[in-house]
Structure formats: structure tokens, C-alpha cells
PDB file of N, CA and C in Angstrom:
ATOM      1  N   UNK A   1     120.667 124.579  99.254  1.00  0.00           N
ATOM      2  CA  UNK A   1     120.587 123.264  98.640  1.00  0.00           C
ATOM      3  C   UNK A   1     120.869 122.206  99.700  1.00  0.00           C
ATOM      4  N   UNK A   2     120.061 121.160  99.696  1.00  0.00           N
ATOM      5  CA  UNK A   2     120.239 120.095 100.675  1.00  0.00           C
ATOM      6  C   UNK A   2     121.413 119.194 100.296  1.00  0.00           C
ATOM      7  N   UNK A   3     121.941 118.540 101.301  1.00  0.00           N
ATOM      8  CA  UNK A   3     123.057 117.629 101.087  1.00  0.00           C
ATOM      9  C   UNK A   3     122.564 116.380 100.365  1.00  0.00           C
ATOM     10  N   UNK A   4     123.034 116.082  99.159  1.00  0.00           N
ATOM     11  CA  UNK A   4     122.557 114.899  98.427  1.00  0.00           C
ATOM     12  C   UNK A   4     123.091 113.585  98.992  1.00  0.00           C
ATOM     13  N   UNK A   5     124.138 113.654  99.820  1.00  0.00           N
ATOM     14  CA  UNK A   5     124.743 112.441 100.365  1.00  0.00           C
ATOM     15  C   UNK A   5     124.184 112.063 101.729  1.00  0.00           C
ATOM     16  N   UNK A   6     123.317 112.904 102.258  1.00  0.00           N
ATOM     17  CA  UNK A   6     122.744 112.638 103.571  1.00  0.00           C
ATOM     18  C   UNK A   6     121.761 111.477 103.478  1.00  0.00           C
ATOM     19  N   UNK A   7     121.835 110.562 104.441  1.00  0.00           N
ATOM     20  CA  UNK A   7     120.927 109.415 104.464  1.00  0.00           C
ATOM     21  C   UNK A   7     119.509 109.885 104.759  1.00  0.00           C
ATOM     22  N   UNK A   8     118.514 109.251 104.139  1.00  0.00           N
ATOM     23  CA  UNK A   8     117.132 109.624 104.468  1.00  0.00           C
ATOM     24  C   UNK A   8     116.823 109.236 105.908  1.00  0.00           C
ATOM     25  N   UNK A   9     115.918 109.942 106.563  1.00  0.00           N
ATOM     26  CA  UNK A   9     115.600 109.612 107.961  1.00  0.00           C
ATOM     27  C   UNK A   9     115.006 108.214 108.067  1.00  0.00           C
ATOM     28  N   UNK A  10     115.432 107.501 109.107  1.00  0.00           N
ATOM     29  CA  UNK A  10     114.938 106.141 109.300  1.00  0.00           C
ATOM     30  C   UNK A  10     113.526 106.183 109.853  1.00  0.00           C
ATOM     31  N   UNK A  11     112.676 105.322 109.318  1.00  0.00           N
ATOM     32  CA  UNK A  11     111.295 105.245 109.770  1.00  0.00           C
ATOM     33  C   UNK A  11     111.104 103.994 110.586  1.00  0.00           C
ATOM     34  N   UNK A  12     110.172 104.080 111.472  1.00  0.00           N
ATOM     35  CA  UNK A  12     109.786 102.927 112.283  1.00  0.00           C
ATOM     36  C   UNK A  12     109.071 101.921 111.382  1.00  0.00           C
ATOM     37  N   UNK A  13     109.369 100.651 111.530  1.00  0.00           N
ATOM     38  CA  UNK A  13     108.782  99.611 110.691  1.00  0.00           C
ATOM     39  C   UNK A  13     107.294  99.449 110.969  1.00  0.00           C
ATOM     40  N   UNK A  14     106.877  99.671 112.197  1.00  0.00           N
ATOM     41  CA  UNK A  14     105.497  99.407 112.586  1.00  0.00           C
ATOM     42  C   UNK A  14     104.597 100.636 112.649  1.00  0.00           C
ATOM     43  N   UNK A  15     105.111 101.817 112.339  1.00  0.00           N
ATOM     44  CA  UNK A  15     104.251 103.001 112.354  1.00  0.00           C
ATOM     45  C   UNK A  15     103.168 102.829 111.293  1.00  0.00           C
ATOM     46  N   UNK A  16     101.939 102.945 111.712  1.00  0.00           N
ATOM     47  CA  UNK A  16     100.811 102.757 110.805  1.00  0.00           C
ATOM     48  C   UNK A  16     100.224 101.359 110.858  1.00  0.00           C
ATOM     49  N   UNK A  17     100.826 100.455 111.639  1.00  0.00           N
ATOM     50  CA  UNK A  17     100.330  99.087 111.776  1.00  0.00           C
ATOM     51  C   UNK A  17      99.793  98.912 113.190  1.00  0.00           C
ATOM     52  N   UNK A  18      98.639  98.301 113.294  1.00  0.00           N
ATOM     53  CA  UNK A  18      98.037  98.047 114.594  1.00  0.00           C
ATOM     54  C   UNK A  18      98.725  96.857 115.263  1.00  0.00           C
ATOM     55  N   UNK A  19      99.215  97.053 116.478  1.00  0.00           N
ATOM     56  CA  UNK A  19      99.877  95.988 117.240  1.00  0.00           C
ATOM     57  C   UNK A  19      98.838  95.351 118.155  1.00  0.00           C
ATOM     58  N   UNK A  20      98.667  94.034 118.017  1.00  0.00           N
ATOM     59  CA  UNK A  20      97.673  93.322 118.804  1.00  0.00           C
ATOM     60  C   UNK A  20      98.335  92.110 119.451  1.00  0.00           C
ATOM     61  N   UNK A  21      97.934  91.782 120.663  1.00  0.00           N
ATOM     62  CA  UNK A  21      98.537  90.650 121.372  1.00  0.00           C
ATOM     63  C   UNK A  21      98.165  89.314 120.740  1.00  0.00           C
ATOM     64  N   UNK A  22      97.138  89.294 119.880  1.00  0.00           N
ATOM     65  CA  UNK A  22      96.731  88.047 119.234  1.00  0.00           C
ATOM     66  C   UNK A  22      97.529  87.754 117.970  1.00  0.00           C
ATOM     67  N   UNK A  23      98.277  88.723 117.473  1.00  0.00           N
ATOM     68  CA  UNK A  23      99.104  88.531 116.278  1.00  0.00           C
ATOM     69  C   UNK A  23     100.472  87.990 116.692  1.00  0.00           C
ATOM     70  N   UNK A  24     100.511  86.708 116.977  1.00  0.00           N
ATOM     71  CA  UNK A  24     101.714  86.077 117.528  1.00  0.00           C
ATOM     72  C   UNK A  24     102.834  86.039 116.502  1.00  0.00           C
ATOM     73  N   UNK A  25     102.508  85.915 115.240  1.00  0.00           N
ATOM     74  CA  UNK A  25     103.540  85.844 114.209  1.00  0.00           C
ATOM     75  C   UNK A  25     104.322  87.156 114.132  1.00  0.00           C
ATOM     76  N   UNK A  26     103.649  88.291 114.248  1.00  0.00           N
ATOM     77  CA  UNK A  26     104.335  89.579 114.259  1.00  0.00           C
ATOM     78  C   UNK A  26     105.151  89.748 115.542  1.00  0.00           C
ATOM     79  N   UNK A  27     104.555  89.408 116.667  1.00  0.00           N
ATOM     80  CA  UNK A  27     105.235  89.595 117.948  1.00  0.00           C
ATOM     81  C   UNK A  27     106.477  88.711 118.076  1.00  0.00           C
ATOM     82  N   UNK A  28     106.449  87.531 117.468  1.00  0.00           N
ATOM     83  CA  UNK A  28     107.587  86.622 117.594  1.00  0.00           C
ATOM     84  C   UNK A  28     108.821  87.136 116.866  1.00  0.00           C
ATOM     85  N   UNK A  29     108.663  88.117 115.979  1.00  0.00           N
ATOM     86  CA  UNK A  29     109.814  88.697 115.293  1.00  0.00           C
ATOM     87  C   UNK A  29     110.672  89.546 116.228  1.00  0.00           C
ATOM     88  N   UNK A  30     110.116  89.959 117.342  1.00  0.00           N
ATOM     89  CA  UNK A  30     110.825  90.841 118.262  1.00  0.00           C
ATOM     90  C   UNK A  30     111.265  90.114 119.532  1.00  0.00           C
ATOM     91  N   UNK A  31     111.278  88.777 119.495  1.00  0.00           N
ATOM     92  CA  UNK A  31     111.664  87.960 120.643  1.00  0.00           C
ATOM     93  C   UNK A  31     112.803  87.046 120.212  1.00  0.00           C
ATOM     94  N   UNK A  32     113.793  86.875 121.085  1.00  0.00           N
ATOM     95  CA  UNK A  32     114.905  85.978 120.795  1.00  0.00           C
ATOM     96  C   UNK A  32     114.404  84.536 120.733  1.00  0.00           C
ATOM     97  N   UNK A  33     114.768  83.777 119.679  1.00  0.00           N
ATOM     98  CA  UNK A  33     114.279  82.410 119.561  1.00  0.00           C
ATOM     99  C   UNK A  33     114.888  81.461 120.588  1.00  0.00           C
ATOM    100  N   UNK A  34     115.989  81.831 121.204  1.00  0.00           N
ATOM    101  CA  UNK A  34     116.684  80.934 122.118  1.00  0.00           C
ATOM    102  C   UNK A  34     116.374  81.225 123.583  1.00  0.00           C
ATOM    103  N   UNK A  35     116.345  82.514 123.938  1.00  0.00           N
ATOM    104  CA  UNK A  35     116.155  82.867 125.338  1.00  0.00           C
ATOM    105  C   UNK A  35     114.757  83.385 125.646  1.00  0.00           C
ATOM    106  N   UNK A  36     114.042  83.875 124.634  1.00  0.00           N
ATOM    107  CA  UNK A  36     112.721  84.428 124.856  1.00  0.00           C
ATOM    108  C   UNK A  36     112.737  85.883 125.276  1.00  0.00           C
ATOM    109  N   UNK A  37     113.902  86.514 125.269  1.00  0.00           N
ATOM    110  CA  UNK A  37     114.004  87.924 125.648  1.00  0.00           C
ATOM    111  C   UNK A  37     113.495  88.824 124.538  1.00  0.00           C
ATOM    112  N   UNK A  38     112.915  89.943 124.915  1.00  0.00           N
ATOM    113  CA  UNK A  38     112.415  90.920 123.953  1.00  0.00           C
ATOM    114  C   UNK A  38     113.590  91.797 123.520  1.00  0.00           C
ATOM    115  N   UNK A  39     113.759  91.943 122.191  1.00  0.00           N
ATOM    116  CA  UNK A  39     114.839  92.782 121.676  1.00  0.00           C
ATOM    117  C   UNK A  39     114.583  94.247 122.003  1.00  0.00           C
ATOM    118  N   UNK A  40     115.663  95.001 122.216  1.00  0.00           N
ATOM    119  CA  UNK A  40     115.558  96.415 122.551  1.00  0.00           C
ATOM    120  C   UNK A  40     115.398  97.296 121.322  1.00  0.00           C
ATOM    121  N   UNK A  41     115.217  98.580 121.560  1.00  0.00           N
ATOM    122  CA  UNK A  41     115.014  99.537 120.469  1.00  0.00           C
ATOM    123  C   UNK A  41     116.214  99.647 119.556  1.00  0.00           C
ATOM    124  N   UNK A  42     117.412  99.535 120.097  1.00  0.00           N
ATOM    125  CA  UNK A  42     118.601  99.677 119.269  1.00  0.00           C
ATOM    126  C   UNK A  42     118.736  98.519 118.284  1.00  0.00           C
ATOM    127  N   UNK A  43     118.099  97.408 118.548  1.00  0.00           N
ATOM    128  CA  UNK A  43     118.139  96.260 117.637  1.00  0.00           C
ATOM    129  C   UNK A  43     116.945  96.281 116.687  1.00  0.00           C
ATOM    130  N   UNK A  44     115.759  96.570 117.201  1.00  0.00           N
ATOM    131  CA  UNK A  44     114.557  96.514 116.377  1.00  0.00           C
ATOM    132  C   UNK A  44     114.401  97.726 115.475  1.00  0.00           C
ATOM    133  N   UNK A  45     114.899  98.873 115.898  1.00  0.00           N
ATOM    134  CA  UNK A  45     114.760 100.084 115.104  1.00  0.00           C
ATOM    135  C   UNK A  45     113.379 100.708 115.207  1.00  0.00           C
ATOM    136  N   UNK A  46     112.621 100.364 116.242  1.00  0.00           N
ATOM    137  CA  UNK A  46     111.278 100.912 116.418  1.00  0.00           C
ATOM    138  C   UNK A  46     111.344 102.243 117.159  1.00  0.00           C
ATOM    139  N   UNK A  47     110.289 103.029 117.003  1.00  0.00           N
ATOM    140  CA  UNK A  47     110.184 104.255 117.793  1.00  0.00           C
ATOM    141  C   UNK A  47     109.786 103.869 119.222  1.00  0.00           C
ATOM    142  N   UNK A  48     109.895 104.802 120.140  1.00  0.00           N
ATOM    143  CA  UNK A  48     109.617 104.513 121.541  1.00  0.00           C
ATOM    144  C   UNK A  48     108.189 104.069 121.788  1.00  0.00           C
ATOM    145  N   UNK A  49     107.248 104.697 121.091  1.00  0.00           N
ATOM    146  CA  UNK A  49     105.833 104.374 121.280  1.00  0.00           C
ATOM    147  C   UNK A  49     105.537 102.946 120.844  1.00  0.00           C
ATOM    148  N   UNK A  50     106.031 102.551 119.658  1.00  0.00           N
ATOM    149  CA  UNK A  50     105.759 101.206 119.151  1.00  0.00           C
ATOM    150  C   UNK A  50     106.530 100.140 119.939  1.00  0.00           C
ATOM    151  N   UNK A  51     107.727 100.482 120.426  1.00  0.00           N
ATOM    152  CA  UNK A  51     108.481  99.520 121.230  1.00  0.00           C
ATOM    153  C   UNK A  51     107.721  99.204 122.519  1.00  0.00           C
ATOM    154  N   UNK A  52     107.124 100.236 123.121  1.00  0.00           N
ATOM    155  CA  UNK A  52     106.353 100.020 124.342  1.00  0.00           C
ATOM    156  C   UNK A  52     105.106  99.191 124.049  1.00  0.00           C
ATOM    157  N   UNK A  53     104.444  99.449 122.899  1.00  0.00           N
ATOM    158  CA  UNK A  53     103.270  98.667 122.518  1.00  0.00           C
ATOM    159  C   UNK A  53     103.632  97.207 122.279  1.00  0.00           C
ATOM    160  N   UNK A  54     104.753  96.981 121.599  1.00  0.00           N
ATOM    161  CA  UNK A  54     105.218  95.608 121.331  1.00  0.00           C
ATOM    162  C   UNK A  54     105.513  94.898 122.638  1.00  0.00           C
ATOM    163  N   UNK A  55     106.195  95.571 123.565  1.00  0.00           N
ATOM    164  CA  UNK A  55     106.538  94.956 124.846  1.00  0.00           C
ATOM    165  C   UNK A  55     105.285  94.583 125.625  1.00  0.00           C
ATOM    166  N   UNK A  56     104.321  95.491 125.668  1.00  0.00           N
ATOM    167  CA  UNK A  56     103.077  95.205 126.392  1.00  0.00           C
ATOM    168  C   UNK A  56     102.315  94.052 125.733  1.00  0.00           C
ATOM    169  N   UNK A  57     102.278  94.046 124.404  1.00  0.00           N
ATOM    170  CA  UNK A  57     101.552  92.993 123.694  1.00  0.00           C
ATOM    171  C   UNK A  57     102.208  91.632 123.894  1.00  0.00           C
ATOM    172  N   UNK A  58     103.536  91.588 123.888  1.00  0.00           N
ATOM    173  CA  UNK A  58     104.250  90.321 124.100  1.00  0.00           C
ATOM    174  C   UNK A  58     103.990  89.814 125.520  1.00  0.00           C
ATOM    175  N   UNK A  59     104.065  90.699 126.504  1.00  0.00           N
ATOM    176  CA  UNK A  59     103.825  90.279 127.883  1.00  0.00           C
ATOM    177  C   UNK A  59     102.390  89.807 128.070  1.00  0.00           C
ATOM    178  N   UNK A  60     101.447  90.489 127.431  1.00  0.00           N
ATOM    179  CA  UNK A  60     100.048  90.080 127.515  1.00  0.00           C
ATOM    180  C   UNK A  60      99.842  88.719 126.849  1.00  0.00           C
ATOM    181  N   UNK A  61     100.492  88.508 125.702  1.00  0.00           N
ATOM    182  CA  UNK A  61     100.382  87.216 125.014  1.00  0.00           C
ATOM    183  C   UNK A  61     100.992  86.092 125.844  1.00  0.00           C
ATOM    184  N   UNK A  62     102.057  86.392 126.603  1.00  0.00           N
ATOM    185  CA  UNK A  62     102.646  85.394 127.495  1.00  0.00           C
ATOM    186  C   UNK A  62     101.659  85.017 128.597  1.00  0.00           C
ATOM    187  N   UNK A  63     101.052  86.021 129.209  1.00  0.00           N
ATOM    188  CA  UNK A  63     100.155  85.779 130.339  1.00  0.00           C
ATOM    189  C   UNK A  63      98.911  85.005 129.899  1.00  0.00           C
ATOM    190  N   UNK A  64      98.355  85.400 128.760  1.00  0.00           N
ATOM    191  CA  UNK A  64      97.132  84.752 128.297  1.00  0.00           C
ATOM    192  C   UNK A  64      97.406  83.363 127.740  1.00  0.00           C
ATOM    193  N   UNK A  65      98.606  83.141 127.225  1.00  0.00           N
ATOM    194  CA  UNK A  65      98.964  81.815 126.734  1.00  0.00           C
ATOM    195  C   UNK A  65      99.043  81.700 125.227  1.00  0.00           C
ATOM    196  N   UNK A  66      99.037  82.824 124.521  1.00  0.00           N
ATOM    197  CA  UNK A  66      99.156  82.781 123.064  1.00  0.00           C
ATOM    198  C   UNK A  66     100.591  82.516 122.616  1.00  0.00           C
ATOM    199  N   UNK A  67     101.562  82.967 123.415  1.00  0.00           N
ATOM    200  CA  UNK A  67     102.981  82.811 123.063  1.00  0.00           C
ATOM    201  C   UNK A  67     103.704  82.027 124.146  1.00  0.00           C
ATOM    202  N   UNK A  68     104.635  81.151 123.743  1.00  0.00           N
ATOM    203  CA  UNK A  68     105.468  80.510 124.758  1.00  0.00           C
ATOM    204  C   UNK A  68     106.444  81.529 125.344  1.00  0.00           C
ATOM    205  N   UNK A  69     106.809  81.325 126.589  1.00  0.00           N
ATOM    206  CA  UNK A  69     107.639  82.299 127.286  1.00  0.00           C
ATOM    207  C   UNK A  69     109.118  82.099 126.968  1.00  0.00           C
ATOM    208  N   UNK A  70     109.579  80.862 126.899  1.00  0.00           N
ATOM    209  CA  UNK A  70     111.013  80.608 126.823  1.00  0.00           C
ATOM    210  C   UNK A  70     111.529  80.504 125.392  1.00  0.00           C
ATOM    211  N   UNK A  71     110.828  79.837 124.516  1.00  0.00           N
ATOM    212  CA  UNK A  71     111.368  79.624 123.181  1.00  0.00           C
ATOM    213  C   UNK A  71     110.371  80.088 122.124  1.00  0.00           C
ATOM    214  N   UNK A  72     110.887  80.278 120.904  1.00  0.00           N
ATOM    215  CA  UNK A  72     110.054  80.720 119.797  1.00  0.00           C
ATOM    216  C   UNK A  72     109.380  79.509 119.162  1.00  0.00           C
ATOM    217  N   UNK A  73     108.139  79.654 118.769  1.00  0.00           N
ATOM    218  CA  UNK A  73     107.388  78.577 118.136  1.00  0.00           C
ATOM    219  C   UNK A  73     108.101  78.167 116.842  1.00  0.00           C
ATOM    220  N   UNK A  74     108.415  76.881 116.646  1.00  0.00           N
ATOM    221  CA  UNK A  74     109.175  76.441 115.469  1.00  0.00           C
ATOM    222  C   UNK A  74     108.498  76.772 114.138  1.00  0.00           C
ATOM    223  N   UNK A  75     107.186  76.952 114.114  1.00  0.00           N
ATOM    224  CA  UNK A  75     106.527  77.280 112.847  1.00  0.00           C
ATOM    225  C   UNK A  75     106.885  78.679 112.371  1.00  0.00           C
ATOM    226  N   UNK A  76     107.347  79.546 113.276  1.00  0.00           N
ATOM    227  CA  UNK A  76     107.681  80.912 112.907  1.00  0.00           C
ATOM    228  C   UNK A  76     109.178  81.107 112.672  1.00  0.00           C
ATOM    229  N   UNK A  77     109.990  80.072 112.754  1.00  0.00           N
ATOM    230  CA  UNK A  77     111.433  80.234 112.593  1.00  0.00           C
ATOM    231  C   UNK A  77     111.826  80.577 111.161  1.00  0.00           C
ATOM    232  N   UNK A  78     111.018  80.231 110.176  1.00  0.00           N
ATOM    233  CA  UNK A  78     111.348  80.494 108.775  1.00  0.00           C
ATOM    234  C   UNK A  78     110.743  81.788 108.256  1.00  0.00           C
ATOM    235  N   UNK A  79     110.128  82.586 109.114  1.00  0.00           N
ATOM    236  CA  UNK A  79     109.558  83.862 108.702  1.00  0.00           C
ATOM    237  C   UNK A  79     110.665  84.827 108.299  1.00  0.00           C
ATOM    238  N   UNK A  80     110.374  85.770 107.406  1.00  0.00           N
ATOM    239  CA  UNK A  80     111.389  86.789 107.087  1.00  0.00           C
ATOM    240  C   UNK A  80     111.674  87.647 108.306  1.00  0.00           C
ATOM    241  N   UNK A  81     112.920  88.017 108.473  1.00  0.00           N
ATOM    242  CA  UNK A  81     113.352  88.760 109.658  1.00  0.00           C
ATOM    243  C   UNK A  81     113.045  90.237 109.503  1.00  0.00           C
ATOM    244  N   UNK A  82     112.320  90.799 110.456  1.00  0.00           N
ATOM    245  CA  UNK A  82     112.067  92.237 110.461  1.00  0.00           C
ATOM    246  C   UNK A  82     113.286  92.959 111.004  1.00  0.00           C
ATOM    247  N   UNK A  83     113.862  92.443 112.062  1.00  0.00           N
ATOM    248  CA  UNK A  83     115.072  93.040 112.614  1.00  0.00           C
ATOM    249  C   UNK A  83     116.162  91.972 112.612  1.00  0.00           C
ATOM    250  N   UNK A  84     117.293  92.296 111.977  1.00  0.00           N
ATOM    251  CA  UNK A  84     118.396  91.358 111.885  1.00  0.00           C
ATOM    252  C   UNK A  84     119.403  91.694 112.969  1.00  0.00           C
ATOM    253  N   UNK A  85     119.530  90.824 113.957  1.00  0.00           N
ATOM    254  CA  UNK A  85     120.382  91.108 115.110  1.00  0.00           C
ATOM    255  C   UNK A  85     121.867  91.001 114.755  1.00  0.00           C
ATOM    256  N   UNK A  86     122.203  90.247 113.730  1.00  0.00           N
ATOM    257  CA  UNK A  86     123.617  90.081 113.386  1.00  0.00           C
ATOM    258  C   UNK A  86     124.191  91.271 112.630  1.00  0.00           C
ATOM    259  N   UNK A  87     123.336  91.969 111.881  1.00  0.00           N
ATOM    260  CA  UNK A  87     123.809  93.109 111.081  1.00  0.00           C
ATOM    261  C   UNK A  87     122.936  94.329 111.352  1.00  0.00           C
ATOM    262  N   UNK A  88     123.074  94.959 112.530  1.00  0.00           N
ATOM    263  CA  UNK A  88     122.271  96.154 112.796  1.00  0.00           C
ATOM    264  C   UNK A  88     122.698  97.287 111.879  1.00  0.00           C
ATOM    265  N   UNK A  89     121.757  98.130 111.512  1.00  0.00           N
ATOM    266  CA  UNK A  89     122.053  99.236 110.583  1.00  0.00           C
ATOM    267  C   UNK A  89     122.710 100.393 111.277  1.00  0.00           C
TER     268      UNK A  89
END
């Protein structure tokens, strides 16, 4: 018999979702609004594969000019938080 008190395995939020450098609203959820740094895996809760895809897409969006490098676009500040940095699980 399995342990009924065991927590279910955590799933990656983005598994099954296509990550594209043109989707700035999704990418901005994984960037600090103040410093522009990309959040790490321990904060975002992503698997290694998706974290690498997010990092590459954010860097590509910076180079091409879709995303600002230093600060988060104010129109995206009211979006629901995918990863909450203040209360990690």
C-alpha cells in the first residue's frame, strides 16, 4: 500500500508548452522586475530542459530587442505570478 501522506510529485509548469522568444509576456515571468536577472531553477520550479529553453529564449529576446534588458515592462507587472519568489514551495 502506498503512503497516503506522501506529496504528489511536482511537475514542471511549462512541460507541454512551446517556449518561444516572441512570447515576451511568458518570458517576463521568469525575470526579476528590478534587476533583470533570470530566476534559477530552485525559484521557478522548472525542469532542467525547460529552464535552459527559457534562458535561451530570454537571451535571444534581449538581443533581438523584444525584451528590455534591465527592467520589466510595466504592462506585465500585473500579470499573475507563475513563480513566487517570496514563498518558494
